[in-house]
Amino acid sequence: MTQQAAILQTCNNELVKCIEDLCNKRDSLQRDITTEEEEKSKLQNDIRMLSERLAKINESLAKKITARNEYDKTISETENAYMKILESSQSLLQVLKRETSSIKSSPKPDH
């Protein structure tokens, strides 16, 4: 019976060792899971913060683009009005020169 007891003790020792190995592997895996869950949580937070930042930047860009377009419109309208004023000034100058020339070439009245 001692031989059977020794065999049983050996089997029992191997079984306990296998269970301890499995527990160690499970503990290591749990540490990996915890580490990855923490990293996942951090990444999700980063994504949320970046999404909020992106939304704010998009809103700011939309406002600035609208303002720039208004500037472009005002500049264009002002340039067009200025060109009309310039054309009118040139026409007025031509009329004035013609009238001045006409006045100079007309005979002077006697007094």
N, C-alpha and C. Protein backbone atom coordinates (compact mmCIF):
# COMPACT_ATOMS: atom_id res chain seq x y z
N MET A 1 0.80 -1.18 0.00
CA MET A 1 0.00 0.00 0.00
C MET A 1 0.86 1.26 0.00
N THR A 2 2.03 1.22 0.48
CA THR A 2 2.92 2.36 0.52
C THR A 2 3.28 2.82 -0.89
N GLN A 3 3.39 1.86 -1.76
CA GLN A 3 3.71 2.24 -3.14
C GLN A 3 2.52 2.99 -3.73
N GLN A 4 1.32 2.56 -3.46
CA GLN A 4 0.12 3.23 -3.97
C GLN A 4 -0.02 4.59 -3.30
N ALA A 5 0.34 4.69 -2.06
CA ALA A 5 0.28 5.97 -1.37
C ALA A 5 1.30 6.94 -1.96
N ALA A 6 2.48 6.43 -2.33
CA ALA A 6 3.51 7.27 -2.93
C ALA A 6 3.05 7.76 -4.30
N ILE A 7 2.44 6.86 -5.07
CA ILE A 7 1.93 7.24 -6.40
C ILE A 7 0.82 8.28 -6.24
N LEU A 8 -0.05 8.07 -5.29
CA LEU A 8 -1.14 9.02 -5.03
C LEU A 8 -0.58 10.36 -4.59
N GLN A 9 0.44 10.34 -3.74
CA GLN A 9 1.07 11.59 -3.28
C GLN A 9 1.72 12.30 -4.45
N THR A 10 2.39 11.60 -5.35
CA THR A 10 3.03 12.18 -6.53
C THR A 10 1.96 12.81 -7.43
N CYS A 11 0.87 12.08 -7.66
CA CYS A 11 -0.23 12.62 -8.48
C CYS A 11 -0.81 13.86 -7.83
N ASN A 12 -0.98 13.80 -6.53
CA ASN A 12 -1.53 14.94 -5.80
C ASN A 12 -0.60 16.15 -5.93
N ASN A 13 0.69 15.94 -5.79
CA ASN A 13 1.67 17.03 -5.92
C ASN A 13 1.63 17.63 -7.33
N GLU A 14 1.56 16.78 -8.35
CA GLU A 14 1.50 17.27 -9.73
C GLU A 14 0.20 18.04 -9.97
N LEU A 15 -0.89 17.54 -9.43
CA LEU A 15 -2.17 18.21 -9.57
C LEU A 15 -2.14 19.59 -8.91
N VAL A 16 -1.59 19.68 -7.71
CA VAL A 16 -1.48 20.96 -7.01
C VAL A 16 -0.59 21.89 -7.81
N LYS A 17 0.54 21.37 -8.35
CA LYS A 17 1.45 22.21 -9.15
C LYS A 17 0.74 22.72 -10.41
N CYS A 18 -0.03 21.87 -11.08
CA CYS A 18 -0.77 22.30 -12.29
C CYS A 18 -1.80 23.38 -11.94
N ILE A 19 -2.49 23.20 -10.82
CA ILE A 19 -3.47 24.20 -10.38
C ILE A 19 -2.78 25.52 -10.07
N GLU A 20 -1.63 25.47 -9.40
CA GLU A 20 -0.88 26.69 -9.10
C GLU A 20 -0.41 27.37 -10.38
N ASP A 21 0.07 26.59 -11.36
CA ASP A 21 0.49 27.16 -12.64
C ASP A 21 -0.69 27.84 -13.35
N LEU A 22 -1.85 27.17 -13.33
CA LEU A 22 -3.04 27.77 -13.95
C LEU A 22 -3.43 29.06 -13.24
N CYS A 23 -3.35 29.06 -11.92
CA CYS A 23 -3.68 30.28 -11.15
C CYS A 23 -2.70 31.40 -11.48
N ASN A 24 -1.42 31.08 -11.60
CA ASN A 24 -0.42 32.09 -11.95
C ASN A 24 -0.67 32.67 -13.35
N LYS A 25 -1.00 31.78 -14.32
CA LYS A 25 -1.30 32.25 -15.68
C LYS A 25 -2.55 33.13 -15.67
N ARG A 26 -3.57 32.73 -14.89
CA ARG A 26 -4.78 33.53 -14.78
C ARG A 26 -4.48 34.89 -14.18
N ASP A 27 -3.67 34.94 -13.12
CA ASP A 27 -3.31 36.21 -12.48
C ASP A 27 -2.54 37.11 -13.45
N SER A 28 -1.64 36.53 -14.21
CA SER A 28 -0.88 37.31 -15.20
C SER A 28 -1.82 37.86 -16.27
N LEU A 29 -2.74 37.00 -16.72
CA LEU A 29 -3.71 37.44 -17.72
C LEU A 29 -4.61 38.54 -17.15
N GLN A 30 -5.00 38.43 -15.90
CA GLN A 30 -5.83 39.46 -15.27
C GLN A 30 -5.09 40.79 -15.20
N ARG A 31 -3.78 40.75 -14.90
CA ARG A 31 -2.99 41.99 -14.89
C ARG A 31 -2.96 42.62 -16.29
N ASP A 32 -2.79 41.79 -17.31
CA ASP A 32 -2.81 42.29 -18.70
C ASP A 32 -4.17 42.91 -19.02
N ILE A 33 -5.25 42.24 -18.61
CA ILE A 33 -6.60 42.75 -18.87
C ILE A 33 -6.80 44.10 -18.17
N THR A 34 -6.37 44.19 -16.92
CA THR A 34 -6.51 45.44 -16.17
C THR A 34 -5.72 46.56 -16.85
N THR A 35 -4.50 46.26 -17.28
CA THR A 35 -3.67 47.26 -17.96
C THR A 35 -4.34 47.73 -19.25
N GLU A 36 -4.84 46.79 -20.03
CA GLU A 36 -5.49 47.16 -21.30
C GLU A 36 -6.80 47.90 -21.07
N GLU A 37 -7.54 47.55 -20.03
CA GLU A 37 -8.78 48.28 -19.73
C GLU A 37 -8.47 49.72 -19.33
N GLU A 38 -7.39 49.92 -18.58
CA GLU A 38 -6.98 51.28 -18.20
C GLU A 38 -6.57 52.06 -19.45
N GLU A 39 -5.81 51.42 -20.34
CA GLU A 39 -5.40 52.09 -21.58
C GLU A 39 -6.62 52.41 -22.44
N LYS A 40 -7.57 51.47 -22.51
CA LYS A 40 -8.80 51.69 -23.28
C LYS A 40 -9.56 52.89 -22.73
N SER A 41 -9.69 52.95 -21.41
CA SER A 41 -10.39 54.06 -20.78
C SER A 41 -9.71 55.38 -21.09
N LYS A 42 -8.38 55.40 -21.00
CA LYS A 42 -7.62 56.62 -21.31
C LYS A 42 -7.83 57.04 -22.77
N LEU A 43 -7.77 56.06 -23.67
CA LEU A 43 -7.96 56.36 -25.09
C LEU A 43 -9.36 56.88 -25.37
N GLN A 44 -10.36 56.29 -24.73
CA GLN A 44 -11.74 56.76 -24.92
C GLN A 44 -11.87 58.20 -24.41
N ASN A 45 -11.23 58.50 -23.32
CA ASN A 45 -11.25 59.87 -22.79
C ASN A 45 -10.55 60.82 -23.76
N ASP A 46 -9.40 60.39 -24.29
CA ASP A 46 -8.67 61.21 -25.26
C ASP A 46 -9.53 61.47 -26.50
N ILE A 47 -10.21 60.42 -26.97
CA ILE A 47 -11.07 60.56 -28.15
C ILE A 47 -12.20 61.55 -27.86
N ARG A 48 -12.80 61.45 -26.67
CA ARG A 48 -13.88 62.37 -26.31
C ARG A 48 -13.37 63.81 -26.28
N MET A 49 -12.20 64.01 -25.66
CA MET A 49 -11.64 65.36 -25.58
C MET A 49 -11.28 65.89 -26.97
N LEU A 50 -10.68 65.04 -27.80
CA LEU A 50 -10.32 65.46 -29.16
C LEU A 50 -11.57 65.74 -30.00
N SER A 51 -12.61 64.95 -29.81
CA SER A 51 -13.87 65.18 -30.54
C SER A 51 -14.47 66.53 -30.15
N GLU A 52 -14.45 66.84 -28.86
CA GLU A 52 -14.95 68.14 -28.41
C GLU A 52 -14.12 69.27 -29.00
N ARG A 53 -12.81 69.09 -28.97
CA ARG A 53 -11.91 70.11 -29.52
C ARG A 53 -12.15 70.29 -31.02
N LEU A 54 -12.32 69.18 -31.73
CA LEU A 54 -12.58 69.24 -33.17
C LEU A 54 -13.89 69.98 -33.45
N ALA A 55 -14.91 69.71 -32.65
CA ALA A 55 -16.20 70.39 -32.84
C ALA A 55 -16.04 71.90 -32.64
N LYS A 56 -15.28 72.30 -31.60
CA LYS A 56 -15.07 73.72 -31.35
C LYS A 56 -14.29 74.37 -32.50
N ILE A 57 -13.28 73.67 -32.99
CA ILE A 57 -12.48 74.22 -34.10
C ILE A 57 -13.34 74.34 -35.36
N ASN A 58 -14.16 73.33 -35.63
CA ASN A 58 -15.05 73.39 -36.80
C ASN A 58 -16.01 74.57 -36.69
N GLU A 59 -16.54 74.80 -35.49
CA GLU A 59 -17.45 75.92 -35.27
C GLU A 59 -16.72 77.25 -35.48
N SER A 60 -15.52 77.34 -34.94
CA SER A 60 -14.72 78.56 -35.09
C SER A 60 -14.38 78.80 -36.56
N LEU A 61 -13.99 77.74 -37.25
CA LEU A 61 -13.67 77.87 -38.68
C LEU A 61 -14.88 78.35 -39.47
N ALA A 62 -16.03 77.80 -39.18
CA ALA A 62 -17.25 78.19 -39.91
C ALA A 62 -17.51 79.69 -39.72
N LYS A 63 -17.37 80.17 -38.48
CA LYS A 63 -17.59 81.59 -38.22
C LYS A 63 -16.55 82.44 -38.95
N LYS A 64 -15.30 82.03 -38.91
CA LYS A 64 -14.24 82.81 -39.56
C LYS A 64 -14.39 82.80 -41.07
N ILE A 65 -14.78 81.68 -41.62
CA ILE A 65 -14.98 81.61 -43.08
C ILE A 65 -16.14 82.52 -43.49
N THR A 66 -17.20 82.54 -42.70
CA THR A 66 -18.34 83.43 -42.98
C THR A 66 -17.88 84.89 -42.92
N ALA A 67 -17.09 85.23 -41.90
CA ALA A 67 -16.60 86.61 -41.77
C ALA A 67 -15.69 86.96 -42.96
N ARG A 68 -14.81 86.03 -43.34
CA ARG A 68 -13.92 86.28 -44.48
C ARG A 68 -14.72 86.50 -45.76
N ASN A 69 -15.76 85.70 -45.94
CA ASN A 69 -16.61 85.87 -47.13
C ASN A 69 -17.29 87.23 -47.13
N GLU A 70 -17.69 87.70 -45.96
CA GLU A 70 -18.28 89.04 -45.86
C GLU A 70 -17.24 90.11 -46.22
N TYR A 71 -16.01 89.93 -45.73
CA TYR A 71 -14.93 90.85 -46.09
C TYR A 71 -14.73 90.85 -47.60
N ASP A 72 -14.68 89.65 -48.21
CA ASP A 72 -14.50 89.55 -49.66
C ASP A 72 -15.61 90.30 -50.40
N LYS A 73 -16.84 90.12 -49.94
CA LYS A 73 -17.99 90.80 -50.58
C LYS A 73 -17.86 92.31 -50.43
N THR A 74 -17.53 92.78 -49.23
CA THR A 74 -17.40 94.22 -49.00
C THR A 74 -16.27 94.80 -49.83
N ILE A 75 -15.14 94.10 -49.88
CA ILE A 75 -14.00 94.57 -50.68
C ILE A 75 -14.39 94.66 -52.15
N SER A 76 -15.05 93.63 -52.65
CA SER A 76 -15.46 93.62 -54.06
C SER A 76 -16.42 94.77 -54.37
N GLU A 77 -17.41 94.97 -53.50
CA GLU A 77 -18.36 96.06 -53.71
C GLU A 77 -17.67 97.42 -53.64
N THR A 78 -16.74 97.56 -52.71
CA THR A 78 -16.02 98.83 -52.57
C THR A 78 -15.13 99.09 -53.78
N GLU A 79 -14.45 98.04 -54.25
CA GLU A 79 -13.60 98.20 -55.44
C GLU A 79 -14.46 98.58 -56.65
N ASN A 80 -15.61 97.96 -56.81
CA ASN A 80 -16.49 98.29 -57.93
C ASN A 80 -16.97 99.74 -57.84
N ALA A 81 -17.36 100.16 -56.64
CA ALA A 81 -17.81 101.55 -56.46
C ALA A 81 -16.67 102.51 -56.74
N TYR A 82 -15.47 102.16 -56.28
CA TYR A 82 -14.30 103.01 -56.51
C TYR A 82 -14.02 103.12 -58.00
N MET A 83 -14.14 102.01 -58.74
CA MET A 83 -13.91 102.06 -60.19
C MET A 83 -14.95 102.96 -60.87
N LYS A 84 -16.18 102.93 -60.41
CA LYS A 84 -17.21 103.81 -60.97
C LYS A 84 -16.89 105.27 -60.68
N ILE A 85 -16.44 105.53 -59.45
CA ILE A 85 -16.04 106.90 -59.09
C ILE A 85 -14.88 107.35 -59.97
N LEU A 86 -13.92 106.47 -60.17
CA LEU A 86 -12.75 106.79 -60.99
C LEU A 86 -13.18 107.08 -62.44
N GLU A 87 -14.06 106.23 -62.96
CA GLU A 87 -14.55 106.46 -64.33
C GLU A 87 -15.30 107.78 -64.41
N SER A 88 -16.11 108.07 -63.41
CA SER A 88 -16.85 109.35 -63.40
C SER A 88 -15.88 110.52 -63.30
N SER A 89 -14.85 110.38 -62.50
CA SER A 89 -13.85 111.45 -62.36
C SER A 89 -13.14 111.68 -63.69
N GLN A 90 -12.81 110.61 -64.38
CA GLN A 90 -12.15 110.75 -65.67
C GLN A 90 -13.08 111.43 -66.67
N SER A 91 -14.36 111.03 -66.67
CA SER A 91 -15.32 111.66 -67.57
C SER A 91 -15.47 113.14 -67.24
N LEU A 92 -15.57 113.45 -65.95
CA LEU A 92 -15.68 114.83 -65.52
C LEU A 92 -14.46 115.63 -65.94
N LEU A 93 -13.27 115.05 -65.79
CA LEU A 93 -12.03 115.73 -66.18
C LEU A 93 -12.03 115.99 -67.69
N GLN A 94 -12.46 115.03 -68.47
CA GLN A 94 -12.51 115.22 -69.93
C GLN A 94 -13.49 116.34 -70.29
N VAL A 95 -14.66 116.34 -69.64
CA VAL A 95 -15.64 117.40 -69.91
C VAL A 95 -15.06 118.73 -69.50
N LEU A 96 -14.42 118.80 -68.35
CA LEU A 96 -13.83 120.04 -67.87
C LEU A 96 -12.75 120.53 -68.84
N LYS A 97 -11.90 119.65 -69.32
CA LYS A 97 -10.86 120.04 -70.27
C LYS A 97 -11.48 120.54 -71.56
N ARG A 98 -12.50 119.86 -72.02
CA ARG A 98 -13.17 120.27 -73.26
C ARG A 98 -13.81 121.65 -73.07
N GLU A 99 -14.48 121.86 -71.97
CA GLU A 99 -15.11 123.15 -71.70
C GLU A 99 -14.06 124.25 -71.56
N THR A 100 -12.97 123.91 -70.85
CA THR A 100 -11.90 124.91 -70.69
C THR A 100 -11.32 125.27 -72.04
N SER A 101 -11.12 124.28 -72.86
CA SER A 101 -10.57 124.52 -74.19
C SER A 101 -11.55 125.35 -75.03
N SER A 102 -12.81 125.04 -74.87
CA SER A 102 -13.84 125.77 -75.60
C SER A 102 -13.89 127.22 -75.14
N ILE A 103 -13.74 127.43 -73.86
CA ILE A 103 -13.77 128.80 -73.32
C ILE A 103 -12.56 129.57 -73.82
N LYS A 104 -11.40 128.95 -73.85
CA LYS A 104 -10.17 129.63 -74.29
C LYS A 104 -10.24 129.99 -75.77
N SER A 105 -10.85 129.12 -76.56
CA SER A 105 -10.86 129.39 -77.99
C SER A 105 -12.01 130.30 -78.42
N SER A 106 -12.95 130.56 -77.58
CA SER A 106 -14.04 131.47 -77.94
C SER A 106 -13.54 132.91 -77.85
N PRO A 107 -14.06 133.80 -78.75
CA PRO A 107 -13.60 135.19 -78.73
C PRO A 107 -13.99 135.89 -77.43
N LYS A 108 -13.13 136.78 -77.04
CA LYS A 108 -13.37 137.53 -75.82
C LYS A 108 -14.35 138.66 -76.12
N PRO A 109 -15.31 138.86 -75.28
CA PRO A 109 -16.24 139.96 -75.51
C PRO A 109 -15.56 141.30 -75.28
N ASP A 110 -15.98 142.30 -76.03
CA ASP A 110 -15.43 143.64 -75.86
C ASP A 110 -16.13 144.31 -74.70
N HIS A 111 -15.39 145.08 -73.99
CA HIS A 111 -15.97 145.84 -72.89
C HIS A 111 -16.12 147.25 -73.26
